[in-house]
Amino acid sequence: MPVKKKAGKKKPAQSGFRRGEAMLRKRALAYPEAYEEFPWGERVIKVRKKIFLFLHGDAKTLRVTTKLPLSYGAALLAPFAKPTGYGLGKSGWVTASFAGTEHVPYDVLLSWMDESYRAIAPKRLSSGLIAAKKAQK
């Protein structure tokens, strides 16, 4: 009888939009003082107790909500974007939703996430981002 090799613990492959959600989550948590919480059973990323990103991804859907004080109007022109419910849309919050095999413009979502962080984070933190980017060039 052949000897079976003991299988090591492998991370299950991420399916659907989970990989995209994981990438967005990782990038969001890289911002200064960013951390994750789960109020209302929903993943949110905060800075100094204030939400700058709502994030949901599973096998069939991806939903990203950000505050866009500068690009709100332009963002709503995208077919996947709409004002966020619960009255948040009136304050500049936009929700991008994707389902099935829809193309996800991650570069746009990353840009929105950056704008949202800068809108919510204290100026001392967000101005540090500009200095860090200039130093990298």
N, C-alpha and C. Protein backbone atom coordinates (compact mmCIF):
# COMPACT_ATOMS: atom_id res chain seq x y z
N MET A 1 0.83 -1.19 0.00
CA MET A 1 0.00 0.00 0.00
C MET A 1 0.87 1.25 0.00
N PRO A 2 0.57 2.21 -0.91
CA PRO A 2 1.37 3.43 -0.91
C PRO A 2 1.10 4.29 0.32
N VAL A 3 2.13 4.97 0.75
CA VAL A 3 2.01 5.84 1.92
C VAL A 3 1.46 7.18 1.46
N LYS A 4 0.41 7.63 2.14
CA LYS A 4 -0.19 8.92 1.81
C LYS A 4 0.60 10.01 2.50
N LYS A 5 0.85 11.07 1.75
CA LYS A 5 1.52 12.23 2.35
C LYS A 5 0.48 13.04 3.09
N LYS A 6 0.88 13.51 4.23
CA LYS A 6 -0.01 14.34 5.02
C LYS A 6 -0.12 15.70 4.35
N ALA A 7 -1.34 16.06 4.05
CA ALA A 7 -1.57 17.34 3.37
C ALA A 7 -1.38 18.49 4.34
N GLY A 8 -0.62 19.48 3.89
CA GLY A 8 -0.45 20.69 4.69
C GLY A 8 -1.69 21.55 4.59
N LYS A 9 -1.84 22.44 5.51
CA LYS A 9 -3.00 23.33 5.47
C LYS A 9 -2.79 24.36 4.37
N LYS A 10 -3.65 24.30 3.38
CA LYS A 10 -3.58 25.26 2.29
C LYS A 10 -4.70 26.26 2.47
N LYS A 11 -4.41 27.48 2.10
CA LYS A 11 -5.43 28.51 2.12
C LYS A 11 -6.38 28.23 0.96
N PRO A 12 -7.68 28.21 1.20
CA PRO A 12 -8.58 27.98 0.07
C PRO A 12 -8.48 29.12 -0.93
N ALA A 13 -8.59 28.75 -2.21
CA ALA A 13 -8.54 29.77 -3.26
C ALA A 13 -9.73 30.71 -3.13
N GLN A 14 -9.49 31.99 -3.30
CA GLN A 14 -10.57 32.97 -3.21
C GLN A 14 -11.31 32.99 -4.54
N SER A 15 -12.62 32.95 -4.45
CA SER A 15 -13.41 32.91 -5.67
C SER A 15 -14.23 34.18 -5.82
N GLY A 16 -14.71 34.38 -7.03
CA GLY A 16 -15.56 35.52 -7.30
C GLY A 16 -14.86 36.82 -6.99
N PHE A 17 -15.55 37.67 -6.26
CA PHE A 17 -15.03 39.00 -5.94
C PHE A 17 -14.22 39.02 -4.65
N ARG A 18 -14.02 37.89 -4.02
CA ARG A 18 -13.29 37.87 -2.75
C ARG A 18 -11.84 38.33 -2.92
N ARG A 19 -11.23 37.96 -4.03
CA ARG A 19 -9.84 38.37 -4.26
C ARG A 19 -9.75 39.89 -4.38
N GLY A 20 -10.68 40.48 -5.11
CA GLY A 20 -10.71 41.94 -5.24
C GLY A 20 -10.96 42.62 -3.92
N GLU A 21 -11.87 42.05 -3.14
CA GLU A 21 -12.14 42.61 -1.82
C GLU A 21 -10.89 42.55 -0.95
N ALA A 22 -10.18 41.43 -1.01
CA ALA A 22 -8.97 41.27 -0.20
C ALA A 22 -7.91 42.29 -0.59
N MET A 23 -7.78 42.55 -1.90
CA MET A 23 -6.80 43.54 -2.36
C MET A 23 -7.18 44.93 -1.88
N LEU A 24 -8.46 45.30 -2.03
CA LEU A 24 -8.91 46.62 -1.58
C LEU A 24 -8.74 46.77 -0.07
N ARG A 25 -9.06 45.73 0.67
CA ARG A 25 -8.92 45.74 2.13
C ARG A 25 -7.47 45.96 2.52
N LYS A 26 -6.56 45.22 1.87
CA LYS A 26 -5.14 45.34 2.18
C LYS A 26 -4.64 46.77 1.92
N ARG A 27 -5.05 47.34 0.80
CA ARG A 27 -4.63 48.70 0.47
C ARG A 27 -5.21 49.71 1.45
N ALA A 28 -6.48 49.52 1.84
CA ALA A 28 -7.12 50.44 2.78
C ALA A 28 -6.43 50.39 4.14
N LEU A 29 -6.07 49.20 4.58
CA LEU A 29 -5.44 49.06 5.90
C LEU A 29 -4.00 49.58 5.90
N ALA A 30 -3.44 49.87 4.72
CA ALA A 30 -2.08 50.41 4.65
C ALA A 30 -2.05 51.92 4.92
N TYR A 31 -3.21 52.58 4.92
CA TYR A 31 -3.23 54.01 5.23
C TYR A 31 -2.87 54.22 6.69
N PRO A 32 -2.25 55.35 7.02
CA PRO A 32 -1.90 55.63 8.42
C PRO A 32 -3.11 55.55 9.35
N GLU A 33 -2.94 54.79 10.42
CA GLU A 33 -3.93 54.62 11.49
C GLU A 33 -5.24 53.99 11.03
N ALA A 34 -5.26 53.34 9.87
CA ALA A 34 -6.47 52.66 9.40
C ALA A 34 -6.63 51.33 10.12
N TYR A 35 -7.87 50.98 10.43
CA TYR A 35 -8.18 49.70 11.07
C TYR A 35 -9.57 49.26 10.65
N GLU A 36 -9.87 48.01 10.91
CA GLU A 36 -11.10 47.38 10.46
C GLU A 36 -12.05 47.09 11.61
N GLU A 37 -13.33 47.26 11.35
CA GLU A 37 -14.38 46.88 12.30
C GLU A 37 -15.56 46.29 11.53
N PHE A 38 -16.50 45.70 12.27
CA PHE A 38 -17.66 45.06 11.65
C PHE A 38 -18.97 45.49 12.30
N PRO A 39 -19.28 46.78 12.30
CA PRO A 39 -20.58 47.18 12.84
C PRO A 39 -21.68 46.72 11.89
N TRP A 40 -22.81 46.40 12.38
CA TRP A 40 -23.96 45.96 11.59
C TRP A 40 -23.62 44.74 10.73
N GLY A 41 -22.57 44.01 11.07
CA GLY A 41 -22.17 42.84 10.29
C GLY A 41 -21.50 43.20 8.96
N GLU A 42 -21.16 44.44 8.78
CA GLU A 42 -20.57 44.94 7.53
C GLU A 42 -19.11 45.33 7.77
N ARG A 43 -18.21 44.97 6.83
CA ARG A 43 -16.81 45.33 6.97
C ARG A 43 -16.66 46.83 6.69
N VAL A 44 -16.04 47.55 7.61
CA VAL A 44 -15.73 48.96 7.41
C VAL A 44 -14.27 49.18 7.77
N ILE A 45 -13.67 50.15 7.10
CA ILE A 45 -12.31 50.55 7.44
C ILE A 45 -12.41 51.98 7.96
N LYS A 46 -11.78 52.19 9.11
CA LYS A 46 -11.88 53.48 9.80
C LYS A 46 -10.50 54.10 10.00
N VAL A 47 -10.54 55.40 10.23
CA VAL A 47 -9.37 56.14 10.69
C VAL A 47 -9.88 57.05 11.80
N ARG A 48 -9.23 56.96 12.95
CA ARG A 48 -9.63 57.78 14.11
C ARG A 48 -11.13 57.69 14.39
N LYS A 49 -11.66 56.49 14.42
CA LYS A 49 -13.06 56.19 14.76
C LYS A 49 -14.07 56.65 13.71
N LYS A 50 -13.59 57.05 12.53
CA LYS A 50 -14.50 57.51 11.47
C LYS A 50 -14.35 56.59 10.26
N ILE A 51 -15.46 56.15 9.71
CA ILE A 51 -15.46 55.26 8.55
C ILE A 51 -15.06 56.03 7.30
N PHE A 52 -14.13 55.45 6.52
CA PHE A 52 -13.84 56.02 5.20
C PHE A 52 -14.10 55.01 4.09
N LEU A 53 -14.42 53.75 4.46
CA LEU A 53 -14.68 52.74 3.44
C LEU A 53 -15.61 51.65 3.98
N PHE A 54 -16.69 51.38 3.25
CA PHE A 54 -17.53 50.22 3.48
C PHE A 54 -17.13 49.23 2.40
N LEU A 55 -16.97 47.95 2.74
CA LEU A 55 -16.46 46.97 1.78
C LEU A 55 -17.15 45.63 1.96
N HIS A 56 -17.70 45.11 0.86
CA HIS A 56 -18.32 43.78 0.89
C HIS A 56 -17.98 43.05 -0.39
N GLY A 57 -17.45 41.86 -0.26
CA GLY A 57 -17.17 41.04 -1.42
C GLY A 57 -17.41 39.58 -1.09
N ASP A 58 -18.08 38.88 -2.00
CA ASP A 58 -18.27 37.44 -1.84
C ASP A 58 -18.16 36.81 -3.21
N ALA A 59 -18.62 35.59 -3.36
CA ALA A 59 -18.49 34.90 -4.64
C ALA A 59 -19.24 35.59 -5.77
N LYS A 60 -20.33 36.27 -5.45
CA LYS A 60 -21.18 36.81 -6.51
C LYS A 60 -21.26 38.33 -6.60
N THR A 61 -20.85 39.05 -5.55
CA THR A 61 -21.01 40.50 -5.56
C THR A 61 -19.81 41.20 -4.93
N LEU A 62 -19.64 42.45 -5.34
CA LEU A 62 -18.66 43.33 -4.72
C LEU A 62 -19.35 44.68 -4.55
N ARG A 63 -19.23 45.25 -3.37
CA ARG A 63 -19.84 46.55 -3.09
C ARG A 63 -18.81 47.39 -2.31
N VAL A 64 -18.55 48.59 -2.83
CA VAL A 64 -17.57 49.49 -2.24
C VAL A 64 -18.24 50.85 -2.06
N THR A 65 -18.18 51.39 -0.85
CA THR A 65 -18.78 52.68 -0.57
C THR A 65 -17.72 53.63 -0.03
N THR A 66 -17.64 54.81 -0.65
CA THR A 66 -16.63 55.80 -0.28
C THR A 66 -17.24 57.19 -0.24
N LYS A 67 -16.59 58.09 0.48
CA LYS A 67 -17.02 59.49 0.53
C LYS A 67 -16.19 60.26 -0.50
N LEU A 68 -16.91 60.91 -1.44
CA LEU A 68 -16.23 61.59 -2.55
C LEU A 68 -16.64 63.06 -2.64
N PRO A 69 -16.08 63.90 -1.78
CA PRO A 69 -16.47 65.31 -1.81
C PRO A 69 -16.03 66.03 -3.08
N LEU A 70 -14.97 65.56 -3.73
CA LEU A 70 -14.46 66.22 -4.93
C LEU A 70 -15.03 65.64 -6.23
N SER A 71 -15.14 64.33 -6.30
CA SER A 71 -15.54 63.69 -7.56
C SER A 71 -16.93 63.06 -7.53
N TYR A 72 -17.75 63.45 -6.57
CA TYR A 72 -19.09 62.87 -6.40
C TYR A 72 -19.90 62.90 -7.70
N GLY A 73 -20.02 64.05 -8.33
CA GLY A 73 -20.82 64.19 -9.54
C GLY A 73 -20.30 63.34 -10.67
N ALA A 74 -19.00 63.35 -10.89
CA ALA A 74 -18.40 62.55 -11.95
C ALA A 74 -18.55 61.05 -11.65
N ALA A 75 -18.42 60.68 -10.40
CA ALA A 75 -18.54 59.27 -10.02
C ALA A 75 -19.92 58.72 -10.35
N LEU A 76 -20.93 59.54 -10.15
CA LEU A 76 -22.30 59.07 -10.40
C LEU A 76 -22.59 58.86 -11.88
N LEU A 77 -21.71 59.29 -12.76
CA LEU A 77 -21.86 59.04 -14.19
C LEU A 77 -21.51 57.59 -14.54
N ALA A 78 -20.75 56.93 -13.69
CA ALA A 78 -20.38 55.53 -13.93
C ALA A 78 -21.61 54.64 -13.79
N PRO A 79 -21.77 53.67 -14.68
CA PRO A 79 -22.97 52.81 -14.63
C PRO A 79 -23.07 51.95 -13.37
N PHE A 80 -21.98 51.75 -12.69
CA PHE A 80 -21.96 50.90 -11.50
C PHE A 80 -22.11 51.68 -10.20
N ALA A 81 -22.22 53.00 -10.29
CA ALA A 81 -22.25 53.85 -9.09
C ALA A 81 -23.61 54.48 -8.86
N LYS A 82 -23.93 54.66 -7.58
CA LYS A 82 -25.17 55.35 -7.21
C LYS A 82 -24.95 56.02 -5.86
N PRO A 83 -25.78 57.02 -5.54
CA PRO A 83 -25.66 57.63 -4.21
C PRO A 83 -25.95 56.58 -3.14
N THR A 84 -25.21 56.62 -2.08
CA THR A 84 -25.40 55.66 -0.99
C THR A 84 -26.72 55.92 -0.28
N GLY A 85 -27.37 54.86 0.12
CA GLY A 85 -28.66 54.94 0.81
C GLY A 85 -28.53 55.51 2.22
N TYR A 86 -29.63 55.47 2.92
CA TYR A 86 -29.72 55.96 4.30
C TYR A 86 -29.36 57.44 4.43
N GLY A 87 -29.53 58.20 3.33
CA GLY A 87 -29.25 59.62 3.37
C GLY A 87 -27.78 59.98 3.24
N LEU A 88 -26.90 58.97 3.15
CA LEU A 88 -25.47 59.26 3.05
C LEU A 88 -25.10 59.86 1.70
N GLY A 89 -25.87 59.53 0.67
CA GLY A 89 -25.60 60.08 -0.66
C GLY A 89 -25.66 61.59 -0.67
N LYS A 90 -26.50 62.17 0.16
CA LYS A 90 -26.61 63.63 0.24
C LYS A 90 -25.34 64.26 0.79
N SER A 91 -24.54 63.46 1.48
CA SER A 91 -23.28 63.95 2.06
C SER A 91 -22.06 63.57 1.23
N GLY A 92 -22.29 63.10 0.00
CA GLY A 92 -21.16 62.79 -0.87
C GLY A 92 -20.71 61.35 -0.89
N TRP A 93 -21.46 60.45 -0.27
CA TRP A 93 -21.09 59.03 -0.28
C TRP A 93 -21.63 58.37 -1.53
N VAL A 94 -20.78 57.53 -2.16
CA VAL A 94 -21.12 56.83 -3.40
C VAL A 94 -20.88 55.33 -3.19
N THR A 95 -21.82 54.51 -3.69
CA THR A 95 -21.67 53.06 -3.63
C THR A 95 -21.49 52.51 -5.04
N ALA A 96 -20.43 51.73 -5.22
CA ALA A 96 -20.16 51.04 -6.48
C ALA A 96 -20.51 49.58 -6.26
N SER A 97 -21.35 49.01 -7.14
CA SER A 97 -21.79 47.63 -7.00
C SER A 97 -21.51 46.85 -8.28
N PHE A 98 -21.04 45.62 -8.10
CA PHE A 98 -20.72 44.75 -9.22
C PHE A 98 -21.28 43.36 -8.93
N ALA A 99 -21.72 42.66 -9.98
CA ALA A 99 -22.26 41.32 -9.81
C ALA A 99 -21.88 40.46 -11.00
N GLY A 100 -21.90 39.16 -10.77
CA GLY A 100 -21.64 38.22 -11.86
C GLY A 100 -20.25 38.37 -12.43
N THR A 101 -20.18 38.59 -13.73
CA THR A 101 -18.90 38.68 -14.42
C THR A 101 -18.56 40.11 -14.83
N GLU A 102 -19.19 41.08 -14.19
CA GLU A 102 -18.93 42.48 -14.53
C GLU A 102 -17.46 42.84 -14.30
N HIS A 103 -16.94 43.67 -15.19
CA HIS A 103 -15.57 44.17 -15.05
C HIS A 103 -15.52 45.16 -13.89
N VAL A 104 -14.53 45.03 -13.04
CA VAL A 104 -14.36 45.94 -11.91
C VAL A 104 -13.16 46.84 -12.18
N PRO A 105 -13.37 48.16 -12.29
CA PRO A 105 -12.25 49.08 -12.52
C PRO A 105 -11.53 49.38 -11.18
N TYR A 106 -10.65 48.49 -10.79
CA TYR A 106 -10.00 48.62 -9.48
C TYR A 106 -9.20 49.91 -9.38
N ASP A 107 -8.65 50.39 -10.48
CA ASP A 107 -7.90 51.65 -10.42
C ASP A 107 -8.81 52.81 -10.01
N VAL A 108 -10.05 52.80 -10.50
CA VAL A 108 -11.02 53.83 -10.11
C VAL A 108 -11.38 53.69 -8.64
N LEU A 109 -11.63 52.46 -8.20
CA LEU A 109 -12.00 52.23 -6.81
C LEU A 109 -10.86 52.62 -5.86
N LEU A 110 -9.63 52.35 -6.25
CA LEU A 110 -8.49 52.75 -5.42
C LEU A 110 -8.38 54.27 -5.34
N SER A 111 -8.65 54.93 -6.44
CA SER A 111 -8.64 56.40 -6.44
C SER A 111 -9.74 56.95 -5.53
N TRP A 112 -10.92 56.36 -5.60
CA TRP A 112 -12.02 56.79 -4.74
C TRP A 112 -11.69 56.54 -3.27
N MET A 113 -11.07 55.39 -2.99
CA MET A 113 -10.70 55.07 -1.62
C MET A 113 -9.70 56.11 -1.10
N ASP A 114 -8.77 56.51 -1.93
CA ASP A 114 -7.79 57.51 -1.54
C ASP A 114 -8.47 58.85 -1.24
N GLU A 115 -9.40 59.25 -2.10
CA GLU A 115 -10.13 60.50 -1.87
C GLU A 115 -10.94 60.43 -0.58
N SER A 116 -11.55 59.28 -0.34
CA SER A 116 -12.36 59.10 0.86
C SER A 116 -11.49 59.19 2.12
N TYR A 117 -10.34 58.52 2.10
CA TYR A 117 -9.44 58.59 3.25
C TYR A 117 -9.03 60.04 3.53
N ARG A 118 -8.65 60.75 2.47
CA ARG A 118 -8.21 62.13 2.63
C ARG A 118 -9.33 63.04 3.14
N ALA A 119 -10.58 62.70 2.77
CA ALA A 119 -11.72 63.50 3.23
C ALA A 119 -12.04 63.25 4.71
N ILE A 120 -11.78 62.05 5.18
CA ILE A 120 -12.17 61.66 6.54
C ILE A 120 -11.02 61.81 7.54
N ALA A 121 -9.82 61.47 7.13
CA ALA A 121 -8.67 61.50 8.05
C ALA A 121 -8.33 62.92 8.45
N PRO A 122 -7.79 63.08 9.65
CA PRO A 122 -7.30 64.41 10.04
C PRO A 122 -6.25 64.89 9.03
N LYS A 123 -6.20 66.18 8.81
CA LYS A 123 -5.30 66.74 7.80
C LYS A 123 -3.84 66.37 8.05
N ARG A 124 -3.46 66.24 9.31
CA ARG A 124 -2.08 65.88 9.63
C ARG A 124 -1.73 64.51 9.03
N LEU A 125 -2.67 63.57 9.07
CA LEU A 125 -2.43 62.24 8.52
C LEU A 125 -2.44 62.26 6.99
N SER A 126 -3.45 62.90 6.42
CA SER A 126 -3.56 62.90 4.96
C SER A 126 -2.47 63.72 4.29
N SER A 127 -1.99 64.78 4.94
CA SER A 127 -0.89 65.56 4.35
C SER A 127 0.40 64.75 4.38
N GLY A 128 0.52 63.85 5.32
CA GLY A 128 1.68 62.96 5.37
C GLY A 128 1.74 62.04 4.17
N LEU A 129 0.59 61.71 3.59
CA LEU A 129 0.56 60.88 2.39
C LEU A 129 1.21 61.59 1.21
N ILE A 130 0.92 62.86 1.08
CA ILE A 130 1.47 63.64 -0.02
C ILE A 130 3.00 63.70 0.10
N ALA A 131 3.49 63.95 1.31
CA ALA A 131 4.93 64.00 1.53
C ALA A 131 5.59 62.66 1.24
N ALA A 132 4.93 61.56 1.63
CA ALA A 132 5.48 60.22 1.39
C ALA A 132 5.54 59.92 -0.10
N LYS A 133 4.53 60.32 -0.86
CA LYS A 133 4.53 60.07 -2.31
C LYS A 133 5.62 60.88 -2.99
N LYS A 134 5.83 62.11 -2.56
CA LYS A 134 6.88 62.95 -3.15
C LYS A 134 8.25 62.37 -2.85
N ALA A 135 8.43 61.82 -1.67
CA ALA A 135 9.72 61.23 -1.28
C ALA A 135 10.02 59.97 -2.09
N GLN A 136 8.97 59.26 -2.53
CA GLN A 136 9.16 58.03 -3.30
C GLN A 136 9.62 58.33 -4.72
N LYS A 137 9.36 59.52 -5.22
CA LYS A 137 9.71 59.85 -6.63
C LYS A 137 11.15 60.17 -6.79
